[in-house]
Amino acid sequence: MSIKLVNLIRNAARALTIIWAGFWGFFALAHLFEPGPIRLDGLLIIIGFVIFFSVSALIPWKWEFIGGILLVMEGIAEAITYPFLKSEMSFTVIMQMFFMMGLPPLVAGILFLVHNKLVRITKKVE
């Protein structure tokens, strides 16, 4: 397997993770600018979301295997829990949320795991 392809897989996974985490982190922070007073419990939830998405994006940069598993689990958890939490929404809305929230970490996690496996195979061959 070509080194360029292996690096492309890693870089695609990293880019997808950063875009996903950055979008949802920004989305959470944007709630601070809603009109009206900021409640402490709302602020803590926003901070929790920002920390969660930041950690989810940074772990795979250091530990690809662990981060890949974490991202796959997040994607699967979102795919399973969101329809139950938002059962009053239409199927279309639930699928849109899956494509925006669940699919990116799922795909990025699989790419991280594939990259990790290819690096291991390449090292064994050498």
N, C-alpha and C. Protein backbone atom coordinates (compact mmCIF):
# COMPACT_ATOMS: atom_id res chain seq x y z
N MET A 1 0.84 -1.17 0.00
CA MET A 1 0.00 0.00 0.00
C MET A 1 0.89 1.24 0.00
N SER A 2 0.51 2.19 -0.77
CA SER A 2 1.27 3.43 -0.93
C SER A 2 1.22 4.28 0.34
N ILE A 3 2.34 4.89 0.65
CA ILE A 3 2.41 5.78 1.82
C ILE A 3 1.48 6.97 1.63
N LYS A 4 1.37 7.44 0.38
CA LYS A 4 0.48 8.58 0.10
C LYS A 4 -0.97 8.24 0.42
N LEU A 5 -1.40 7.04 0.07
CA LEU A 5 -2.77 6.63 0.35
C LEU A 5 -3.00 6.48 1.85
N VAL A 6 -2.04 5.92 2.55
CA VAL A 6 -2.15 5.76 4.00
C VAL A 6 -2.25 7.13 4.66
N ASN A 7 -1.43 8.08 4.22
CA ASN A 7 -1.48 9.43 4.78
C ASN A 7 -2.78 10.14 4.41
N LEU A 8 -3.28 9.88 3.21
CA LEU A 8 -4.55 10.48 2.79
C LEU A 8 -5.69 10.00 3.68
N ILE A 9 -5.69 8.73 4.04
CA ILE A 9 -6.73 8.18 4.92
C ILE A 9 -6.67 8.86 6.28
N ARG A 10 -5.45 8.99 6.83
CA ARG A 10 -5.30 9.65 8.14
C ARG A 10 -5.73 11.11 8.07
N ASN A 11 -5.29 11.82 7.03
CA ASN A 11 -5.63 13.24 6.92
C ASN A 11 -7.12 13.46 6.68
N ALA A 12 -7.75 12.57 5.93
CA ALA A 12 -9.21 12.67 5.72
C ALA A 12 -9.94 12.46 7.04
N ALA A 13 -9.50 11.49 7.83
CA ALA A 13 -10.13 11.24 9.13
C ALA A 13 -9.96 12.44 10.05
N ARG A 14 -8.76 12.99 10.06
CA ARG A 14 -8.51 14.16 10.91
C ARG A 14 -9.34 15.35 10.47
N ALA A 15 -9.39 15.61 9.17
CA ALA A 15 -10.17 16.75 8.67
C ALA A 15 -11.64 16.59 8.99
N LEU A 16 -12.18 15.41 8.77
CA LEU A 16 -13.59 15.16 9.05
C LEU A 16 -13.88 15.34 10.54
N THR A 17 -12.99 14.88 11.38
CA THR A 17 -13.19 15.01 12.83
C THR A 17 -13.15 16.46 13.26
N ILE A 18 -12.19 17.22 12.74
CA ILE A 18 -12.07 18.63 13.12
C ILE A 18 -13.28 19.43 12.62
N ILE A 19 -13.70 19.17 11.40
CA ILE A 19 -14.87 19.88 10.87
C ILE A 19 -16.11 19.55 11.70
N TRP A 20 -16.30 18.27 12.00
CA TRP A 20 -17.46 17.85 12.79
C TRP A 20 -17.43 18.47 14.19
N ALA A 21 -16.32 18.33 14.88
CA ALA A 21 -16.22 18.85 16.25
C ALA A 21 -16.26 20.37 16.26
N GLY A 22 -15.62 20.99 15.28
CA GLY A 22 -15.64 22.45 15.21
C GLY A 22 -17.03 22.99 14.98
N PHE A 23 -17.77 22.37 14.07
CA PHE A 23 -19.14 22.82 13.79
C PHE A 23 -20.00 22.71 15.04
N TRP A 24 -20.00 21.56 15.70
CA TRP A 24 -20.88 21.38 16.84
C TRP A 24 -20.39 22.16 18.06
N GLY A 25 -19.07 22.33 18.20
CA GLY A 25 -18.56 23.19 19.26
C GLY A 25 -18.98 24.63 19.06
N PHE A 26 -18.87 25.11 17.81
CA PHE A 26 -19.32 26.47 17.50
C PHE A 26 -20.83 26.60 17.72
N PHE A 27 -21.57 25.60 17.32
CA PHE A 27 -23.02 25.60 17.49
C PHE A 27 -23.37 25.73 18.97
N ALA A 28 -22.66 25.00 19.82
CA ALA A 28 -22.92 25.08 21.26
C ALA A 28 -22.55 26.46 21.80
N LEU A 29 -21.40 26.98 21.38
CA LEU A 29 -20.98 28.30 21.86
C LEU A 29 -21.90 29.41 21.36
N ALA A 30 -22.48 29.24 20.19
CA ALA A 30 -23.37 30.26 19.64
C ALA A 30 -24.60 30.47 20.52
N HIS A 31 -24.96 29.47 21.30
CA HIS A 31 -26.11 29.60 22.20
C HIS A 31 -25.83 30.61 23.31
N LEU A 32 -24.58 30.95 23.54
CA LEU A 32 -24.27 31.97 24.54
C LEU A 32 -24.77 33.35 24.12
N PHE A 33 -24.95 33.53 22.81
CA PHE A 33 -25.34 34.84 22.29
C PHE A 33 -26.84 34.97 22.03
N GLU A 34 -27.60 34.03 22.54
CA GLU A 34 -29.06 34.13 22.43
C GLU A 34 -29.54 35.27 23.32
N PRO A 35 -30.63 35.90 22.93
CA PRO A 35 -31.15 36.98 23.78
C PRO A 35 -31.62 36.45 25.13
N GLY A 36 -31.49 37.28 26.11
CA GLY A 36 -31.92 36.90 27.45
C GLY A 36 -30.75 36.54 28.33
N PRO A 37 -31.02 36.36 29.62
CA PRO A 37 -29.94 36.04 30.55
C PRO A 37 -29.40 34.62 30.34
N ILE A 38 -28.15 34.46 30.67
CA ILE A 38 -27.51 33.15 30.57
C ILE A 38 -27.66 32.46 31.92
N ARG A 39 -28.26 31.30 31.92
CA ARG A 39 -28.43 30.54 33.16
C ARG A 39 -27.19 29.69 33.40
N LEU A 40 -26.86 29.44 34.64
CA LEU A 40 -25.68 28.67 34.99
C LEU A 40 -25.76 27.25 34.46
N ASP A 41 -26.92 26.61 34.59
CA ASP A 41 -27.03 25.24 34.10
C ASP A 41 -26.86 25.17 32.59
N GLY A 42 -27.38 26.16 31.87
CA GLY A 42 -27.19 26.21 30.42
C GLY A 42 -25.73 26.42 30.05
N LEU A 43 -25.05 27.26 30.82
CA LEU A 43 -23.63 27.51 30.57
C LEU A 43 -22.80 26.25 30.80
N LEU A 44 -23.13 25.51 31.85
CA LEU A 44 -22.40 24.27 32.13
C LEU A 44 -22.62 23.23 31.04
N ILE A 45 -23.84 23.16 30.51
CA ILE A 45 -24.12 22.23 29.41
C ILE A 45 -23.32 22.61 28.18
N ILE A 46 -23.26 23.90 27.87
CA ILE A 46 -22.50 24.38 26.71
C ILE A 46 -21.03 24.07 26.88
N ILE A 47 -20.49 24.34 28.05
CA ILE A 47 -19.07 24.04 28.31
C ILE A 47 -18.82 22.54 28.19
N GLY A 48 -19.75 21.73 28.70
CA GLY A 48 -19.62 20.28 28.59
C GLY A 48 -19.58 19.81 27.14
N PHE A 49 -20.47 20.37 26.31
CA PHE A 49 -20.48 20.01 24.89
C PHE A 49 -19.18 20.41 24.21
N VAL A 50 -18.70 21.60 24.48
CA VAL A 50 -17.45 22.07 23.85
C VAL A 50 -16.29 21.17 24.27
N ILE A 51 -16.21 20.83 25.54
CA ILE A 51 -15.14 19.95 26.01
C ILE A 51 -15.28 18.56 25.38
N PHE A 52 -16.49 18.05 25.33
CA PHE A 52 -16.73 16.73 24.75
C PHE A 52 -16.27 16.67 23.29
N PHE A 53 -16.69 17.65 22.48
CA PHE A 53 -16.32 17.63 21.08
C PHE A 53 -14.82 17.88 20.89
N SER A 54 -14.23 18.72 21.72
CA SER A 54 -12.79 18.97 21.61
C SER A 54 -11.99 17.72 21.95
N VAL A 55 -12.35 17.05 23.02
CA VAL A 55 -11.64 15.83 23.42
C VAL A 55 -11.85 14.74 22.37
N SER A 56 -13.06 14.64 21.85
CA SER A 56 -13.34 13.63 20.82
C SER A 56 -12.50 13.86 19.57
N ALA A 57 -12.20 15.11 19.28
CA ALA A 57 -11.39 15.42 18.10
C ALA A 57 -9.90 15.26 18.36
N LEU A 58 -9.47 15.48 19.59
CA LEU A 58 -8.02 15.47 19.88
C LEU A 58 -7.48 14.08 20.22
N ILE A 59 -8.26 13.23 20.82
CA ILE A 59 -7.77 11.89 21.20
C ILE A 59 -7.24 11.11 20.00
N PRO A 60 -7.95 11.09 18.86
CA PRO A 60 -7.42 10.31 17.72
C PRO A 60 -6.10 10.85 17.15
N TRP A 61 -5.79 12.11 17.39
CA TRP A 61 -4.52 12.65 16.89
C TRP A 61 -3.34 12.02 17.62
N LYS A 62 -3.54 11.69 18.89
CA LYS A 62 -2.47 11.10 19.68
C LYS A 62 -2.54 9.57 19.67
N TRP A 63 -3.74 9.04 19.89
CA TRP A 63 -3.96 7.59 19.94
C TRP A 63 -5.02 7.23 18.93
N GLU A 64 -4.60 6.85 17.73
CA GLU A 64 -5.55 6.61 16.64
C GLU A 64 -6.50 5.46 16.92
N PHE A 65 -6.00 4.38 17.47
CA PHE A 65 -6.84 3.22 17.70
C PHE A 65 -7.93 3.52 18.73
N ILE A 66 -7.52 4.09 19.86
CA ILE A 66 -8.48 4.42 20.92
C ILE A 66 -9.45 5.49 20.44
N GLY A 67 -8.93 6.51 19.76
CA GLY A 67 -9.78 7.57 19.24
C GLY A 67 -10.74 7.06 18.18
N GLY A 68 -10.26 6.13 17.34
CA GLY A 68 -11.14 5.56 16.32
C GLY A 68 -12.29 4.80 16.95
N ILE A 69 -11.99 4.01 17.96
CA ILE A 69 -13.05 3.27 18.66
C ILE A 69 -14.02 4.25 19.32
N LEU A 70 -13.49 5.28 19.96
CA LEU A 70 -14.33 6.29 20.61
C LEU A 70 -15.27 6.96 19.61
N LEU A 71 -14.74 7.35 18.45
CA LEU A 71 -15.58 8.01 17.45
C LEU A 71 -16.64 7.07 16.88
N VAL A 72 -16.27 5.82 16.65
CA VAL A 72 -17.26 4.85 16.15
C VAL A 72 -18.37 4.66 17.19
N MET A 73 -17.99 4.56 18.46
CA MET A 73 -19.00 4.41 19.52
C MET A 73 -19.90 5.63 19.61
N GLU A 74 -19.33 6.83 19.43
CA GLU A 74 -20.14 8.04 19.45
C GLU A 74 -21.14 8.06 18.30
N GLY A 75 -20.68 7.67 17.12
CA GLY A 75 -21.57 7.63 15.96
C GLY A 75 -22.70 6.64 16.14
N ILE A 76 -22.37 5.47 16.65
CA ILE A 76 -23.40 4.45 16.89
C ILE A 76 -24.35 4.89 17.99
N ALA A 77 -23.81 5.48 19.05
CA ALA A 77 -24.67 5.95 20.15
C ALA A 77 -25.65 7.01 19.66
N GLU A 78 -25.18 7.91 18.83
CA GLU A 78 -26.07 8.94 18.29
C GLU A 78 -27.14 8.32 17.41
N ALA A 79 -26.74 7.36 16.60
CA ALA A 79 -27.70 6.71 15.70
C ALA A 79 -28.79 5.96 16.47
N ILE A 80 -28.43 5.44 17.64
CA ILE A 80 -29.39 4.67 18.43
C ILE A 80 -30.23 5.58 19.32
N THR A 81 -29.60 6.55 19.98
CA THR A 81 -30.32 7.34 20.99
C THR A 81 -31.16 8.46 20.42
N TYR A 82 -30.72 9.12 19.37
CA TYR A 82 -31.46 10.29 18.89
C TYR A 82 -32.89 9.96 18.48
N PRO A 83 -33.14 8.88 17.75
CA PRO A 83 -34.54 8.58 17.40
C PRO A 83 -35.43 8.34 18.63
N PHE A 84 -34.85 7.80 19.71
CA PHE A 84 -35.65 7.57 20.91
C PHE A 84 -35.91 8.87 21.65
N LEU A 85 -34.92 9.77 21.67
CA LEU A 85 -35.09 11.04 22.37
C LEU A 85 -36.02 11.98 21.62
N LYS A 86 -36.02 11.89 20.32
CA LYS A 86 -36.80 12.81 19.49
C LYS A 86 -37.82 12.04 18.66
N SER A 87 -38.54 11.15 19.29
CA SER A 87 -39.47 10.29 18.56
C SER A 87 -40.62 11.06 17.91
N GLU A 88 -40.89 12.28 18.38
CA GLU A 88 -41.98 13.06 17.78
C GLU A 88 -41.59 13.67 16.44
N MET A 89 -40.30 13.66 16.11
CA MET A 89 -39.84 14.23 14.84
C MET A 89 -40.02 13.23 13.71
N SER A 90 -40.08 13.76 12.52
CA SER A 90 -40.28 12.91 11.35
C SER A 90 -39.01 12.11 11.04
N PHE A 91 -39.19 11.07 10.28
CA PHE A 91 -38.07 10.23 9.87
C PHE A 91 -37.02 11.05 9.12
N THR A 92 -37.47 11.99 8.30
CA THR A 92 -36.55 12.82 7.53
C THR A 92 -35.65 13.65 8.44
N VAL A 93 -36.23 14.25 9.46
CA VAL A 93 -35.45 15.07 10.39
C VAL A 93 -34.47 14.20 11.17
N ILE A 94 -34.92 13.04 11.59
CA ILE A 94 -34.04 12.12 12.32
C ILE A 94 -32.87 11.70 11.44
N MET A 95 -33.12 11.42 10.17
CA MET A 95 -32.03 11.04 9.26
C MET A 95 -31.08 12.21 9.00
N GLN A 96 -31.61 13.42 8.89
CA GLN A 96 -30.75 14.58 8.72
C GLN A 96 -29.83 14.75 9.93
N MET A 97 -30.36 14.57 11.10
CA MET A 97 -29.53 14.68 12.30
C MET A 97 -28.49 13.57 12.36
N PHE A 98 -28.86 12.39 11.91
CA PHE A 98 -27.87 11.31 11.87
C PHE A 98 -26.74 11.66 10.91
N PHE A 99 -27.09 12.18 9.74
CA PHE A 99 -26.05 12.54 8.77
C PHE A 99 -25.17 13.67 9.27
N MET A 100 -25.71 14.55 10.12
CA MET A 100 -24.91 15.67 10.63
C MET A 100 -24.19 15.33 11.93
N MET A 101 -24.80 14.53 12.79
CA MET A 101 -24.19 14.25 14.09
C MET A 101 -23.55 12.87 14.19
N GLY A 102 -24.18 11.86 13.66
CA GLY A 102 -23.70 10.50 13.85
C GLY A 102 -22.77 9.98 12.78
N LEU A 103 -23.04 10.32 11.54
CA LEU A 103 -22.25 9.76 10.44
C LEU A 103 -20.81 10.27 10.40
N PRO A 104 -20.54 11.57 10.61
CA PRO A 104 -19.15 12.02 10.55
C PRO A 104 -18.22 11.33 11.55
N PRO A 105 -18.59 11.20 12.84
CA PRO A 105 -17.67 10.49 13.73
C PRO A 105 -17.57 9.01 13.40
N LEU A 106 -18.65 8.43 12.91
CA LEU A 106 -18.62 7.02 12.52
C LEU A 106 -17.64 6.79 11.38
N VAL A 107 -17.73 7.60 10.34
CA VAL A 107 -16.82 7.48 9.19
C VAL A 107 -15.39 7.80 9.60
N ALA A 108 -15.19 8.89 10.36
CA ALA A 108 -13.85 9.26 10.79
C ALA A 108 -13.23 8.17 11.67
N GLY A 109 -14.02 7.61 12.56
CA GLY A 109 -13.52 6.54 13.42
C GLY A 109 -13.09 5.33 12.62
N ILE A 110 -13.89 4.95 11.62
CA ILE A 110 -13.52 3.82 10.76
C ILE A 110 -12.24 4.14 10.00
N LEU A 111 -12.11 5.37 9.49
CA LEU A 111 -10.89 5.75 8.78
C LEU A 111 -9.66 5.70 9.70
N PHE A 112 -9.82 6.16 10.94
CA PHE A 112 -8.70 6.07 11.90
C PHE A 112 -8.31 4.62 12.16
N LEU A 113 -9.30 3.75 12.31
CA LEU A 113 -9.01 2.33 12.56
C LEU A 113 -8.36 1.69 11.34
N VAL A 114 -8.81 2.03 10.14
CA VAL A 114 -8.20 1.50 8.92
C VAL A 114 -6.76 1.99 8.81
N HIS A 115 -6.54 3.27 9.08
CA HIS A 115 -5.18 3.80 9.03
C HIS A 115 -4.27 3.10 10.03
N ASN A 116 -4.77 2.92 11.24
CA ASN A 116 -3.98 2.25 12.26
C ASN A 116 -3.60 0.84 11.82
N LYS A 117 -4.55 0.12 11.24
CA LYS A 117 -4.28 -1.25 10.77
C LYS A 117 -3.27 -1.24 9.62
N LEU A 118 -3.40 -0.30 8.68
CA LEU A 118 -2.46 -0.24 7.56
C LEU A 118 -1.04 0.10 8.03
N VAL A 119 -0.93 0.95 9.01
CA VAL A 119 0.40 1.28 9.56
C VAL A 119 1.02 0.04 10.21
N ARG A 120 0.23 -0.70 10.93
CA ARG A 120 0.74 -1.95 11.55
C ARG A 120 1.20 -2.95 10.50
N ILE A 121 0.38 -3.13 9.47
CA ILE A 121 0.75 -4.08 8.40
C ILE A 121 2.02 -3.63 7.71
N THR A 122 2.12 -2.34 7.43
CA THR A 122 3.30 -1.81 6.76
C THR A 122 4.56 -2.02 7.60
N LYS A 123 4.46 -1.85 8.92
CA LYS A 123 5.60 -2.05 9.79
C LYS A 123 6.02 -3.50 9.85
N LYS A 124 5.05 -4.43 9.79
CA LYS A 124 5.38 -5.85 9.80
C LYS A 124 6.12 -6.27 8.54
N VAL A 125 5.73 -5.68 7.41
CA VAL A 125 6.35 -6.02 6.13
C VAL A 125 7.79 -5.56 6.09
N GLU A 126 8.06 -4.41 6.67
CA GLU A 126 9.42 -3.87 6.66
C GLU A 126 10.29 -4.60 7.59
